[in-house]
Amino acid sequence: MALLIVLFVIYRSLIPNKNNHTKRNAVIRAIKDHDYKKAKETLLLWAADKYYPEDINNFNDISRVVKDETFSECLSSLNKVLYADSTDYFDDAKFIEILKKVDKIHYGEKKKAEVLPNLYD
């Protein structure tokens, strides 16, 4: 029985997770629904997950880790929509397109935080 569990764990670790885009898709769904407050919340969750262990608390933090000028401009436009109550500044389709592009880029994969510090450095 233990062997079966070990084999299952190895199998799951070798097969990529099909739900790795769920947070990104939640952002896209919120944008399409014009629920920009929800988009902000889910975008922060997406970025915190994608760029872990970076400390992501706001759009400036996302811009800092993504390092894409076009995406930073889209975040600025979304921020204006959130606080200006006008969608004149924001292009939903462009934002979704740029988000998908940025999500495909792997900046060195997510780094796991070390449980214990290296004792012999």
PDB file of N, CA and C in Angstrom:
ATOM      1  N   MET A   1       0.824  -1.199   0.000  1.00  0.00           N
ATOM      2  CA  MET A   1       0.000   0.000   0.000  1.00  0.00           C
ATOM      3  C   MET A   1       0.874   1.271   0.000  1.00  0.00           C
ATOM      4  N   ALA A   2       1.933   1.248   0.807  1.00  0.00           N
ATOM      5  CA  ALA A   2       2.830   2.396   0.887  1.00  0.00           C
ATOM      6  C   ALA A   2       3.507   2.631  -0.457  1.00  0.00           C
ATOM      7  N   LEU A   3       3.856   1.542  -1.138  1.00  0.00           N
ATOM      8  CA  LEU A   3       4.483   1.661  -2.451  1.00  0.00           C
ATOM      9  C   LEU A   3       3.540   2.339  -3.441  1.00  0.00           C
ATOM     10  N   LEU A   4       2.265   2.004  -3.366  1.00  0.00           N
ATOM     11  CA  LEU A   4       1.263   2.598  -4.237  1.00  0.00           C
ATOM     12  C   LEU A   4       1.161   4.113  -3.997  1.00  0.00           C
ATOM     13  N   ILE A   5       1.206   4.514  -2.759  1.00  0.00           N
ATOM     14  CA  ILE A   5       1.138   5.939  -2.419  1.00  0.00           C
ATOM     15  C   ILE A   5       2.377   6.666  -2.940  1.00  0.00           C
ATOM     16  N   VAL A   6       3.537   6.061  -2.763  1.00  0.00           N
ATOM     17  CA  VAL A   6       4.775   6.667  -3.236  1.00  0.00           C
ATOM     18  C   VAL A   6       4.748   6.805  -4.752  1.00  0.00           C
ATOM     19  N   LEU A   7       4.294   5.782  -5.445  1.00  0.00           N
ATOM     20  CA  LEU A   7       4.207   5.846  -6.902  1.00  0.00           C
ATOM     21  C   LEU A   7       3.232   6.925  -7.353  1.00  0.00           C
ATOM     22  N   PHE A   8       2.118   7.072  -6.647  1.00  0.00           N
ATOM     23  CA  PHE A   8       1.143   8.103  -6.982  1.00  0.00           C
ATOM     24  C   PHE A   8       1.742   9.499  -6.808  1.00  0.00           C
ATOM     25  N   VAL A   9       2.463   9.704  -5.731  1.00  0.00           N
ATOM     26  CA  VAL A   9       3.088  11.007  -5.467  1.00  0.00           C
ATOM     27  C   VAL A   9       4.119  11.320  -6.551  1.00  0.00           C
ATOM     28  N   ILE A  10       4.915  10.337  -6.936  1.00  0.00           N
ATOM     29  CA  ILE A  10       5.903  10.546  -8.000  1.00  0.00           C
ATOM     30  C   ILE A  10       5.202  10.864  -9.311  1.00  0.00           C
ATOM     31  N   TYR A  11       4.156  10.135  -9.612  1.00  0.00           N
ATOM     32  CA  TYR A  11       3.380  10.363 -10.833  1.00  0.00           C
ATOM     33  C   TYR A  11       2.826  11.782 -10.875  1.00  0.00           C
ATOM     34  N   ARG A  12       2.246  12.243  -9.773  1.00  0.00           N
ATOM     35  CA  ARG A  12       1.663  13.594  -9.712  1.00  0.00           C
ATOM     36  C   ARG A  12       2.727  14.678  -9.834  1.00  0.00           C
ATOM     37  N   SER A  13       3.907  14.413  -9.326  1.00  0.00           N
ATOM     38  CA  SER A  13       4.955  15.429  -9.394  1.00  0.00           C
ATOM     39  C   SER A  13       5.557  15.535 -10.798  1.00  0.00           C
ATOM     40  N   LEU A  14       5.468  14.464 -11.583  1.00  0.00           N
ATOM     41  CA  LEU A  14       6.025  14.486 -12.933  1.00  0.00           C
ATOM     42  C   LEU A  14       5.082  15.076 -13.967  1.00  0.00           C
ATOM     43  N   ILE A  15       3.782  15.004 -13.725  1.00  0.00           N
ATOM     44  CA  ILE A  15       2.798  15.517 -14.668  1.00  0.00           C
ATOM     45  C   ILE A  15       2.485  16.963 -14.313  1.00  0.00           C
ATOM     46  N   PRO A  16       2.582  17.874 -15.281  1.00  0.00           N
ATOM     47  CA  PRO A  16       2.290  19.279 -14.994  1.00  0.00           C
ATOM     48  C   PRO A  16       0.842  19.470 -14.558  1.00  0.00           C
ATOM     49  N   ASN A  17       0.644  20.434 -13.693  1.00  0.00           N
ATOM     50  CA  ASN A  17      -0.695  20.740 -13.190  1.00  0.00           C
ATOM     51  C   ASN A  17      -1.498  21.445 -14.274  1.00  0.00           C
ATOM     52  N   LYS A  18      -2.647  20.895 -14.596  1.00  0.00           N
ATOM     53  CA  LYS A  18      -3.484  21.497 -15.640  1.00  0.00           C
ATOM     54  C   LYS A  18      -4.172  22.765 -15.157  1.00  0.00           C
ATOM     55  N   ASN A  19      -4.202  22.982 -13.860  1.00  0.00           N
ATOM     56  CA  ASN A  19      -4.896  24.147 -13.307  1.00  0.00           C
ATOM     57  C   ASN A  19      -3.933  25.281 -12.961  1.00  0.00           C
ATOM     58  N   ASN A  20      -2.768  25.306 -13.589  1.00  0.00           N
ATOM     59  CA  ASN A  20      -1.800  26.341 -13.249  1.00  0.00           C
ATOM     60  C   ASN A  20      -2.203  27.728 -13.758  1.00  0.00           C
ATOM     61  N   HIS A  21      -3.247  27.818 -14.526  1.00  0.00           N
ATOM     62  CA  HIS A  21      -3.707  29.116 -15.028  1.00  0.00           C
ATOM     63  C   HIS A  21      -5.012  29.565 -14.362  1.00  0.00           C
ATOM     64  N   THR A  22      -5.413  28.924 -13.284  1.00  0.00           N
ATOM     65  CA  THR A  22      -6.699  29.271 -12.674  1.00  0.00           C
ATOM     66  C   THR A  22      -6.728  30.703 -12.154  1.00  0.00           C
ATOM     67  N   LYS A  23      -5.642  31.147 -11.548  1.00  0.00           N
ATOM     68  CA  LYS A  23      -5.619  32.524 -11.026  1.00  0.00           C
ATOM     69  C   LYS A  23      -5.615  33.531 -12.168  1.00  0.00           C
ATOM     70  N   ARG A  24      -4.839  33.243 -13.213  1.00  0.00           N
ATOM     71  CA  ARG A  24      -4.832  34.130 -14.387  1.00  0.00           C
ATOM     72  C   ARG A  24      -6.220  34.185 -15.016  1.00  0.00           C
ATOM     73  N   ASN A  25      -6.868  33.038 -15.132  1.00  0.00           N
ATOM     74  CA  ASN A  25      -8.207  32.995 -15.716  1.00  0.00           C
ATOM     75  C   ASN A  25      -9.231  33.737 -14.858  1.00  0.00           C
ATOM     76  N   ALA A  26      -9.028  33.739 -13.544  1.00  0.00           N
ATOM     77  CA  ALA A  26      -9.916  34.500 -12.659  1.00  0.00           C
ATOM     78  C   ALA A  26      -9.776  35.998 -12.916  1.00  0.00           C
ATOM     79  N   VAL A  27      -8.544  36.445 -13.184  1.00  0.00           N
ATOM     80  CA  VAL A  27      -8.311  37.857 -13.524  1.00  0.00           C
ATOM     81  C   VAL A  27      -9.013  38.183 -14.833  1.00  0.00           C
ATOM     82  N   ILE A  28      -8.848  37.321 -15.822  1.00  0.00           N
ATOM     83  CA  ILE A  28      -9.461  37.546 -17.132  1.00  0.00           C
ATOM     84  C   ILE A  28     -10.979  37.580 -17.021  1.00  0.00           C
ATOM     85  N   ARG A  29     -11.543  36.678 -16.249  1.00  0.00           N
ATOM     86  CA  ARG A  29     -12.999  36.638 -16.063  1.00  0.00           C
ATOM     87  C   ARG A  29     -13.498  37.939 -15.430  1.00  0.00           C
ATOM     88  N   ALA A  30     -12.775  38.427 -14.430  1.00  0.00           N
ATOM     89  CA  ALA A  30     -13.169  39.677 -13.768  1.00  0.00           C
ATOM     90  C   ALA A  30     -13.089  40.860 -14.729  1.00  0.00           C
ATOM     91  N   ILE A  31     -12.049  40.889 -15.557  1.00  0.00           N
ATOM     92  CA  ILE A  31     -11.908  41.971 -16.543  1.00  0.00           C
ATOM     93  C   ILE A  31     -13.058  41.922 -17.545  1.00  0.00           C
ATOM     94  N   LYS A  32     -13.365  40.724 -18.039  1.00  0.00           N
ATOM     95  CA  LYS A  32     -14.459  40.580 -19.006  1.00  0.00           C
ATOM     96  C   LYS A  32     -15.804  40.970 -18.402  1.00  0.00           C
ATOM     97  N   ASP A  33     -15.970  40.737 -17.084  1.00  0.00           N
ATOM     98  CA  ASP A  33     -17.212  41.098 -16.392  1.00  0.00           C
ATOM     99  C   ASP A  33     -17.219  42.568 -15.959  1.00  0.00           C
ATOM    100  N   HIS A  34     -16.136  43.289 -16.251  1.00  0.00           N
ATOM    101  CA  HIS A  34     -15.973  44.696 -15.856  1.00  0.00           C
ATOM    102  C   HIS A  34     -16.044  44.870 -14.346  1.00  0.00           C
ATOM    103  N   ASP A  35     -15.619  43.847 -13.615  1.00  0.00           N
ATOM    104  CA  ASP A  35     -15.532  43.903 -12.158  1.00  0.00           C
ATOM    105  C   ASP A  35     -14.066  44.187 -11.817  1.00  0.00           C
ATOM    106  N   TYR A  36     -13.699  45.449 -11.878  1.00  0.00           N
ATOM    107  CA  TYR A  36     -12.305  45.828 -11.781  1.00  0.00           C
ATOM    108  C   TYR A  36     -11.748  45.697 -10.364  1.00  0.00           C
ATOM    109  N   LYS A  37     -12.598  45.825  -9.363  1.00  0.00           N
ATOM    110  CA  LYS A  37     -12.129  45.597  -7.988  1.00  0.00           C
ATOM    111  C   LYS A  37     -11.759  44.131  -7.797  1.00  0.00           C
ATOM    112  N   LYS A  38     -12.575  43.248  -8.326  1.00  0.00           N
ATOM    113  CA  LYS A  38     -12.271  41.813  -8.274  1.00  0.00           C
ATOM    114  C   LYS A  38     -11.016  41.522  -9.101  1.00  0.00           C
ATOM    115  N   ALA A  39     -10.869  42.192 -10.228  1.00  0.00           N
ATOM    116  CA  ALA A  39      -9.675  42.009 -11.064  1.00  0.00           C
ATOM    117  C   ALA A  39      -8.422  42.388 -10.288  1.00  0.00           C
ATOM    118  N   LYS A  40      -8.481  43.474  -9.541  1.00  0.00           N
ATOM    119  CA  LYS A  40      -7.327  43.888  -8.737  1.00  0.00           C
ATOM    120  C   LYS A  40      -6.985  42.826  -7.707  1.00  0.00           C
ATOM    121  N   GLU A  41      -7.999  42.339  -6.997  1.00  0.00           N
ATOM    122  CA  GLU A  41      -7.769  41.316  -5.970  1.00  0.00           C
ATOM    123  C   GLU A  41      -7.148  40.055  -6.571  1.00  0.00           C
ATOM    124  N   THR A  42      -7.726  39.583  -7.669  1.00  0.00           N
ATOM    125  CA  THR A  42      -7.236  38.343  -8.270  1.00  0.00           C
ATOM    126  C   THR A  42      -5.876  38.548  -8.941  1.00  0.00           C
ATOM    127  N   LEU A  43      -5.618  39.737  -9.446  1.00  0.00           N
ATOM    128  CA  LEU A  43      -4.323  40.032 -10.052  1.00  0.00           C
ATOM    129  C   LEU A  43      -3.219  39.994  -8.993  1.00  0.00           C
ATOM    130  N   LEU A  44      -3.507  40.519  -7.819  1.00  0.00           N
ATOM    131  CA  LEU A  44      -2.525  40.462  -6.731  1.00  0.00           C
ATOM    132  C   LEU A  44      -2.268  39.018  -6.305  1.00  0.00           C
ATOM    133  N   LEU A  45      -3.325  38.196  -6.268  1.00  0.00           N
ATOM    134  CA  LEU A  45      -3.154  36.776  -5.928  1.00  0.00           C
ATOM    135  C   LEU A  45      -2.348  36.052  -7.002  1.00  0.00           C
ATOM    136  N   TRP A  46      -2.648  36.345  -8.276  1.00  0.00           N
ATOM    137  CA  TRP A  46      -1.912  35.736  -9.385  1.00  0.00           C
ATOM    138  C   TRP A  46      -0.424  36.060  -9.289  1.00  0.00           C
ATOM    139  N   ALA A  47      -0.117  37.332  -9.076  1.00  0.00           N
ATOM    140  CA  ALA A  47       1.279  37.764  -9.022  1.00  0.00           C
ATOM    141  C   ALA A  47       1.996  37.181  -7.800  1.00  0.00           C
ATOM    142  N   ALA A  48       1.312  37.142  -6.674  1.00  0.00           N
ATOM    143  CA  ALA A  48       1.928  36.581  -5.469  1.00  0.00           C
ATOM    144  C   ALA A  48       2.262  35.105  -5.668  1.00  0.00           C
ATOM    145  N   ASP A  49       1.392  34.393  -6.370  1.00  0.00           N
ATOM    146  CA  ASP A  49       1.636  32.978  -6.635  1.00  0.00           C
ATOM    147  C   ASP A  49       2.737  32.798  -7.678  1.00  0.00           C
ATOM    148  N   LYS A  50       2.672  33.555  -8.733  1.00  0.00           N
ATOM    149  CA  LYS A  50       3.633  33.394  -9.843  1.00  0.00           C
ATOM    150  C   LYS A  50       5.038  33.812  -9.440  1.00  0.00           C
ATOM    151  N   TYR A  51       5.175  34.857  -8.653  1.00  0.00           N
ATOM    152  CA  TYR A  51       6.489  35.402  -8.330  1.00  0.00           C
ATOM    153  C   TYR A  51       6.897  35.144  -6.879  1.00  0.00           C
ATOM    154  N   TYR A  52       6.325  34.123  -6.270  1.00  0.00           N
ATOM    155  CA  TYR A  52       6.702  33.732  -4.914  1.00  0.00           C
ATOM    156  C   TYR A  52       8.192  33.452  -4.875  1.00  0.00           C
ATOM    157  N   PRO A  53       8.937  33.865  -3.918  1.00  0.00           N
ATOM    158  CA  PRO A  53       8.627  34.469  -2.622  1.00  0.00           C
ATOM    159  C   PRO A  53       8.666  35.994  -2.604  1.00  0.00           C
ATOM    160  N   GLU A  54       8.568  36.646  -3.763  1.00  0.00           N
ATOM    161  CA  GLU A  54       8.522  38.110  -3.792  1.00  0.00           C
ATOM    162  C   GLU A  54       7.334  38.610  -2.967  1.00  0.00           C
ATOM    163  N   ASP A  55       7.484  39.772  -2.377  1.00  0.00           N
ATOM    164  CA  ASP A  55       6.422  40.374  -1.581  1.00  0.00           C
ATOM    165  C   ASP A  55       5.570  41.252  -2.501  1.00  0.00           C
ATOM    166  N   ILE A  56       4.376  40.791  -2.831  1.00  0.00           N
ATOM    167  CA  ILE A  56       3.481  41.499  -3.757  1.00  0.00           C
ATOM    168  C   ILE A  56       2.294  42.053  -2.962  1.00  0.00           C
ATOM    169  N   ASN A  57       2.185  43.392  -2.911  1.00  0.00           N
ATOM    170  CA  ASN A  57       1.092  44.027  -2.177  1.00  0.00           C
ATOM    171  C   ASN A  57       0.291  45.015  -3.012  1.00  0.00           C
ATOM    172  N   ASN A  58       0.849  45.437  -4.157  1.00  0.00           N
ATOM    173  CA  ASN A  58       0.165  46.438  -4.969  1.00  0.00           C
ATOM    174  C   ASN A  58       0.661  46.356  -6.413  1.00  0.00           C
ATOM    175  N   PHE A  59       0.126  47.209  -7.265  1.00  0.00           N
ATOM    176  CA  PHE A  59       0.496  47.200  -8.682  1.00  0.00           C
ATOM    177  C   PHE A  59       1.966  47.580  -8.900  1.00  0.00           C
ATOM    178  N   ASN A  60       2.504  48.437  -8.052  1.00  0.00           N
ATOM    179  CA  ASN A  60       3.920  48.805  -8.186  1.00  0.00           C
ATOM    180  C   ASN A  60       4.823  47.593  -7.975  1.00  0.00           C
ATOM    181  N   ASP A  61       4.451  46.746  -7.014  1.00  0.00           N
ATOM    182  CA  ASP A  61       5.224  45.527  -6.775  1.00  0.00           C
ATOM    183  C   ASP A  61       5.151  44.590  -7.977  1.00  0.00           C
ATOM    184  N   ILE A  62       3.976  44.501  -8.581  1.00  0.00           N
ATOM    185  CA  ILE A  62       3.823  43.654  -9.766  1.00  0.00           C
ATOM    186  C   ILE A  62       4.696  44.192 -10.899  1.00  0.00           C
ATOM    187  N   SER A  63       4.655  45.489 -11.130  1.00  0.00           N
ATOM    188  CA  SER A  63       5.479  46.099 -12.186  1.00  0.00           C
ATOM    189  C   SER A  63       6.958  45.849 -11.953  1.00  0.00           C
ATOM    190  N   ARG A  64       7.366  45.923 -10.702  1.00  0.00           N
ATOM    191  CA  ARG A  64       8.779  45.726 -10.352  1.00  0.00           C
ATOM    192  C   ARG A  64       9.257  44.317 -10.714  1.00  0.00           C
ATOM    193  N   VAL A  65       8.437  43.298 -10.461  1.00  0.00           N
ATOM    194  CA  VAL A  65       8.889  41.935 -10.737  1.00  0.00           C
ATOM    195  C   VAL A  65       8.662  41.513 -12.184  1.00  0.00           C
ATOM    196  N   VAL A  66       7.636  42.061 -12.824  1.00  0.00           N
ATOM    197  CA  VAL A  66       7.345  41.675 -14.209  1.00  0.00           C
ATOM    198  C   VAL A  66       8.333  42.321 -15.180  1.00  0.00           C
ATOM    199  N   LYS A  67       8.663  43.579 -14.952  1.00  0.00           N
ATOM    200  CA  LYS A  67       9.639  44.298 -15.781  1.00  0.00           C
ATOM    201  C   LYS A  67       9.226  44.358 -17.252  1.00  0.00           C
ATOM    202  N   ASP A  68       7.964  44.662 -17.497  1.00  0.00           N
ATOM    203  CA  ASP A  68       7.455  44.819 -18.861  1.00  0.00           C
ATOM    204  C   ASP A  68       6.733  46.156 -18.908  1.00  0.00           C
ATOM    205  N   GLU A  69       7.241  47.077 -19.720  1.00  0.00           N
ATOM    206  CA  GLU A  69       6.713  48.447 -19.759  1.00  0.00           C
ATOM    207  C   GLU A  69       5.247  48.488 -20.194  1.00  0.00           C
ATOM    208  N   THR A  70       4.893  47.688 -21.188  1.00  0.00           N
ATOM    209  CA  THR A  70       3.506  47.673 -21.672  1.00  0.00           C
ATOM    210  C   THR A  70       2.560  47.179 -20.583  1.00  0.00           C
ATOM    211  N   PHE A  71       2.972  46.137 -19.865  1.00  0.00           N
ATOM    212  CA  PHE A  71       2.139  45.617 -18.779  1.00  0.00           C
ATOM    213  C   PHE A  71       2.016  46.650 -17.663  1.00  0.00           C
ATOM    214  N   SER A  72       3.096  47.359 -17.373  1.00  0.00           N
ATOM    215  CA  SER A  72       3.040  48.410 -16.350  1.00  0.00           C
ATOM    216  C   SER A  72       2.061  49.514 -16.753  1.00  0.00           C
ATOM    217  N   GLU A  73       2.042  49.859 -18.040  1.00  0.00           N
ATOM    218  CA  GLU A  73       1.080  50.855 -18.523  1.00  0.00           C
ATOM    219  C   GLU A  73      -0.357  50.341 -18.373  1.00  0.00           C
ATOM    220  N   CYS A  74      -0.568  49.061 -18.657  1.00  0.00           N
ATOM    221  CA  CYS A  74      -1.906  48.463 -18.488  1.00  0.00           C
ATOM    222  C   CYS A  74      -2.329  48.489 -17.016  1.00  0.00           C
ATOM    223  N   LEU A  75      -1.392  48.206 -16.117  1.00  0.00           N
ATOM    224  CA  LEU A  75      -1.693  48.260 -14.685  1.00  0.00           C
ATOM    225  C   LEU A  75      -2.047  49.683 -14.265  1.00  0.00           C
ATOM    226  N   SER A  76      -1.345  50.653 -14.824  1.00  0.00           N
ATOM    227  CA  SER A  76      -1.636  52.056 -14.532  1.00  0.00           C
ATOM    228  C   SER A  76      -3.044  52.431 -15.018  1.00  0.00           C
ATOM    229  N   SER A  77      -3.399  51.934 -16.195  1.00  0.00           N
ATOM    230  CA  SER A  77      -4.742  52.197 -16.728  1.00  0.00           C
ATOM    231  C   SER A  77      -5.809  51.550 -15.855  1.00  0.00           C
ATOM    232  N   LEU A  78      -5.553  50.330 -15.415  1.00  0.00           N
ATOM    233  CA  LEU A  78      -6.503  49.655 -14.524  1.00  0.00           C
ATOM    234  C   LEU A  78      -6.638  50.420 -13.215  1.00  0.00           C
ATOM    235  N   ASN A  79      -5.545  50.924 -12.712  1.00  0.00           N
ATOM    236  CA  ASN A  79      -5.574  51.711 -11.483  1.00  0.00           C
ATOM    237  C   ASN A  79      -6.420  52.978 -11.655  1.00  0.00           C
ATOM    238  N   LYS A  80      -6.306  53.626 -12.826  1.00  0.00           N
ATOM    239  CA  LYS A  80      -7.120  54.819 -13.099  1.00  0.00           C
ATOM    240  C   LYS A  80      -8.603  54.466 -13.135  1.00  0.00           C
ATOM    241  N   VAL A  81      -8.918  53.312 -13.714  1.00  0.00           N
ATOM    242  CA  VAL A  81     -10.324  52.886 -13.772  1.00  0.00           C
ATOM    243  C   VAL A  81     -10.864  52.658 -12.363  1.00  0.00           C
ATOM    244  N   LEU A  82     -10.039  52.080 -11.514  1.00  0.00           N
ATOM    245  CA  LEU A  82     -10.472  51.783 -10.147  1.00  0.00           C
ATOM    246  C   LEU A  82     -10.792  53.046  -9.353  1.00  0.00           C
ATOM    247  N   TYR A  83     -10.013  54.106  -9.580  1.00  0.00           N
ATOM    248  CA  TYR A  83     -10.158  55.290  -8.744  1.00  0.00           C
ATOM    249  C   TYR A  83     -10.758  56.489  -9.458  1.00  0.00           C
ATOM    250  N   ALA A  84     -10.974  56.410 -10.763  1.00  0.00           N
ATOM    251  CA  ALA A  84     -11.555  57.531 -11.500  1.00  0.00           C
ATOM    252  C   ALA A  84     -12.990  57.248 -11.937  1.00  0.00           C
ATOM    253  N   ASP A  85     -13.470  56.019 -11.756  1.00  0.00           N
ATOM    254  CA  ASP A  85     -14.815  55.624 -12.167  1.00  0.00           C
ATOM    255  C   ASP A  85     -15.090  55.935 -13.643  1.00  0.00           C
ATOM    256  N   SER A  86     -14.082  55.816 -14.463  1.00  0.00           N
ATOM    257  CA  SER A  86     -14.227  56.025 -15.896  1.00  0.00           C
ATOM    258  C   SER A  86     -13.412  54.967 -16.621  1.00  0.00           C
ATOM    259  N   THR A  87     -14.020  54.311 -17.588  1.00  0.00           N
ATOM    260  CA  THR A  87     -13.319  53.258 -18.329  1.00  0.00           C
ATOM    261  C   THR A  87     -12.662  53.792 -19.597  1.00  0.00           C
ATOM    262  N   ASP A  88     -12.612  55.116 -19.744  1.00  0.00           N
ATOM    263  CA  ASP A  88     -12.008  55.717 -20.937  1.00  0.00           C
ATOM    264  C   ASP A  88     -10.535  55.357 -21.092  1.00  0.00           C
ATOM    265  N   TYR A  89      -9.869  55.105 -19.979  1.00  0.00           N
ATOM    266  CA  TYR A  89      -8.429  54.859 -19.993  1.00  0.00           C
ATOM    267  C   TYR A  89      -8.060  53.408 -20.251  1.00  0.00           C
ATOM    268  N   PHE A  90      -9.034  52.508 -20.191  1.00  0.00           N
ATOM    269  CA  PHE A  90      -8.728  51.084 -20.099  1.00  0.00           C
ATOM    270  C   PHE A  90      -9.219  50.302 -21.307  1.00  0.00           C
ATOM    271  N   ASP A  91      -8.330  49.479 -21.875  1.00  0.00           N
ATOM    272  CA  ASP A  91      -8.654  48.609 -22.995  1.00  0.00           C
ATOM    273  C   ASP A  91      -8.621  47.165 -22.489  1.00  0.00           C
ATOM    274  N   ASP A  92      -9.821  46.592 -22.270  1.00  0.00           N
ATOM    275  CA  ASP A  92      -9.926  45.243 -21.715  1.00  0.00           C
ATOM    276  C   ASP A  92      -9.161  44.214 -22.543  1.00  0.00           C
ATOM    277  N   ALA A  93      -9.361  44.239 -23.842  1.00  0.00           N
ATOM    278  CA  ALA A  93      -8.743  43.243 -24.723  1.00  0.00           C
ATOM    279  C   ALA A  93      -7.216  43.333 -24.679  1.00  0.00           C
ATOM    280  N   LYS A  94      -6.692  44.546 -24.677  1.00  0.00           N
ATOM    281  CA  LYS A  94      -5.244  44.732 -24.628  1.00  0.00           C
ATOM    282  C   LYS A  94      -4.684  44.208 -23.312  1.00  0.00           C
ATOM    283  N   PHE A  95      -5.378  44.500 -22.221  1.00  0.00           N
ATOM    284  CA  PHE A  95      -4.925  44.036 -20.910  1.00  0.00           C
ATOM    285  C   PHE A  95      -4.862  42.511 -20.866  1.00  0.00           C
ATOM    286  N   ILE A  96      -5.909  41.865 -21.353  1.00  0.00           N
ATOM    287  CA  ILE A  96      -5.959  40.396 -21.350  1.00  0.00           C
ATOM    288  C   ILE A  96      -4.838  39.821 -22.210  1.00  0.00           C
ATOM    289  N   GLU A  97      -4.617  40.413 -23.366  1.00  0.00           N
ATOM    290  CA  GLU A  97      -3.562  39.945 -24.268  1.00  0.00           C
ATOM    291  C   GLU A  97      -2.181  40.056 -23.605  1.00  0.00           C
ATOM    292  N   ILE A  98      -1.910  41.185 -22.978  1.00  0.00           N
ATOM    293  CA  ILE A  98      -0.620  41.404 -22.332  1.00  0.00           C
ATOM    294  C   ILE A  98      -0.467  40.487 -21.115  1.00  0.00           C
ATOM    295  N   LEU A  99      -1.539  40.303 -20.356  1.00  0.00           N
ATOM    296  CA  LEU A  99      -1.487  39.414 -19.195  1.00  0.00           C
ATOM    297  C   LEU A  99      -1.136  37.988 -19.619  1.00  0.00           C
ATOM    298  N   LYS A 100      -1.749  37.511 -20.693  1.00  0.00           N
ATOM    299  CA  LYS A 100      -1.435  36.162 -21.185  1.00  0.00           C
ATOM    300  C   LYS A 100       0.018  36.064 -21.614  1.00  0.00           C
ATOM    301  N   LYS A 101       0.522  37.114 -22.260  1.00  0.00           N
ATOM    302  CA  LYS A 101       1.917  37.117 -22.699  1.00  0.00           C
ATOM    303  C   LYS A 101       2.861  37.081 -21.498  1.00  0.00           C
ATOM    304  N   VAL A 102       2.580  37.896 -20.506  1.00  0.00           N
ATOM    305  CA  VAL A 102       3.419  37.967 -19.313  1.00  0.00           C
ATOM    306  C   VAL A 102       3.348  36.656 -18.534  1.00  0.00           C
ATOM    307  N   ASP A 103       2.175  36.049 -18.498  1.00  0.00           N
ATOM    308  CA  ASP A 103       2.014  34.806 -17.745  1.00  0.00           C
ATOM    309  C   ASP A 103       2.820  33.662 -18.353  1.00  0.00           C
ATOM    310  N   LYS A 104       3.067  33.718 -19.654  1.00  0.00           N
ATOM    311  CA  LYS A 104       3.836  32.655 -20.324  1.00  0.00           C
ATOM    312  C   LYS A 104       5.325  32.755 -20.038  1.00  0.00           C
ATOM    313  N   ILE A 105       5.783  33.939 -19.664  1.00  0.00           N
ATOM    314  CA  ILE A 105       7.202  34.151 -19.423  1.00  0.00           C
ATOM    315  C   ILE A 105       7.555  33.567 -18.055  1.00  0.00           C
ATOM    316  N   HIS A 106       8.606  32.779 -18.035  1.00  0.00           N
ATOM    317  CA  HIS A 106       9.059  32.175 -16.782  1.00  0.00           C
ATOM    318  C   HIS A 106      10.317  32.897 -16.325  1.00  0.00           C
ATOM    319  N   TYR A 107      10.182  33.682 -15.295  1.00  0.00           N
ATOM    320  CA  TYR A 107      11.333  34.392 -14.751  1.00  0.00           C
ATOM    321  C   TYR A 107      12.039  33.494 -13.738  1.00  0.00           C
ATOM    322  N   GLY A 108      12.609  32.413 -14.232  1.00  0.00           N
ATOM    323  CA  GLY A 108      13.368  31.530 -13.351  1.00  0.00           C
ATOM    324  C   GLY A 108      12.505  30.627 -12.506  1.00  0.00           C
ATOM    325  N   GLU A 109      11.269  30.403 -12.855  1.00  0.00           N
ATOM    326  CA  GLU A 109      10.349  29.542 -12.105  1.00  0.00           C
ATOM    327  C   GLU A 109      10.191  30.063 -10.678  1.00  0.00           C
ATOM    328  N   LYS A 110       9.141  29.613 -10.028  1.00  0.00           N
ATOM    329  CA  LYS A 110       8.920  30.007  -8.649  1.00  0.00           C
ATOM    330  C   LYS A 110      10.016  29.410  -7.780  1.00  0.00           C
ATOM    331  N   LYS A 111      10.556  30.223  -6.921  1.00  0.00           N
ATOM    332  CA  LYS A 111      11.597  29.749  -6.029  1.00  0.00           C
ATOM    333  C   LYS A 111      10.951  29.367  -4.702  1.00  0.00           C
ATOM    334  N   LYS A 112      11.303  28.230  -4.222  1.00  0.00           N
ATOM    335  CA  LYS A 112      10.787  27.774  -2.938  1.00  0.00           C
ATOM    336  C   LYS A 112      11.630  28.381  -1.825  1.00  0.00           C
ATOM    337  N   ALA A 113      10.961  28.878  -0.824  1.00  0.00           N
ATOM    338  CA  ALA A 113      11.681  29.410   0.310  1.00  0.00           C
ATOM    339  C   ALA A 113      12.314  28.260   1.068  1.00  0.00           C
ATOM    340  N   GLU A 114      13.539  28.471   1.526  1.00  0.00           N
ATOM    341  CA  GLU A 114      14.218  27.425   2.247  1.00  0.00           C
ATOM    342  C   GLU A 114      13.617  27.297   3.635  1.00  0.00           C
ATOM    343  N   VAL A 115      13.375  26.054   4.034  1.00  0.00           N
ATOM    344  CA  VAL A 115      12.825  25.798   5.361  1.00  0.00           C
ATOM    345  C   VAL A 115      13.873  26.103   6.413  1.00  0.00           C
ATOM    346  N   LEU A 116      15.077  25.632   6.167  1.00  0.00           N
ATOM    347  CA  LEU A 116      16.187  25.900   7.084  1.00  0.00           C
ATOM    348  C   LEU A 116      17.281  26.644   6.331  1.00  0.00           C
ATOM    349  N   PRO A 117      17.927  27.564   6.971  1.00  0.00           N
ATOM    350  CA  PRO A 117      19.012  28.268   6.284  1.00  0.00           C
ATOM    351  C   PRO A 117      20.176  27.326   6.051  1.00  0.00           C
ATOM    352  N   ASN A 118      20.996  27.656   5.056  1.00  0.00           N
ATOM    353  CA  ASN A 118      22.196  26.869   4.810  1.00  0.00           C
ATOM    354  C   ASN A 118      23.164  27.094   5.972  1.00  0.00           C
ATOM    355  N   LEU A 119      23.532  26.026   6.635  1.00  0.00           N
ATOM    356  CA  LEU A 119      24.365  26.144   7.815  1.00  0.00           C
ATOM    357  C   LEU A 119      25.859  26.193   7.508  1.00  0.00           C
ATOM    358  N   TYR A 120      26.231  25.723   6.337  1.00  0.00           N
ATOM    359  CA  TYR A 120      27.649  25.592   6.038  1.00  0.00           C
ATOM    360  C   TYR A 120      28.094  26.483   4.885  1.00  0.00           C
ATOM    361  N   ASP A 121      27.532  27.643   4.756  1.00  0.00           N
ATOM    362  CA  ASP A 121      27.935  28.574   3.686  1.00  0.00           C
ATOM    363  C   ASP A 121      29.126  29.384   4.106  1.00  0.00           C
TER     364      ASP A 121
END
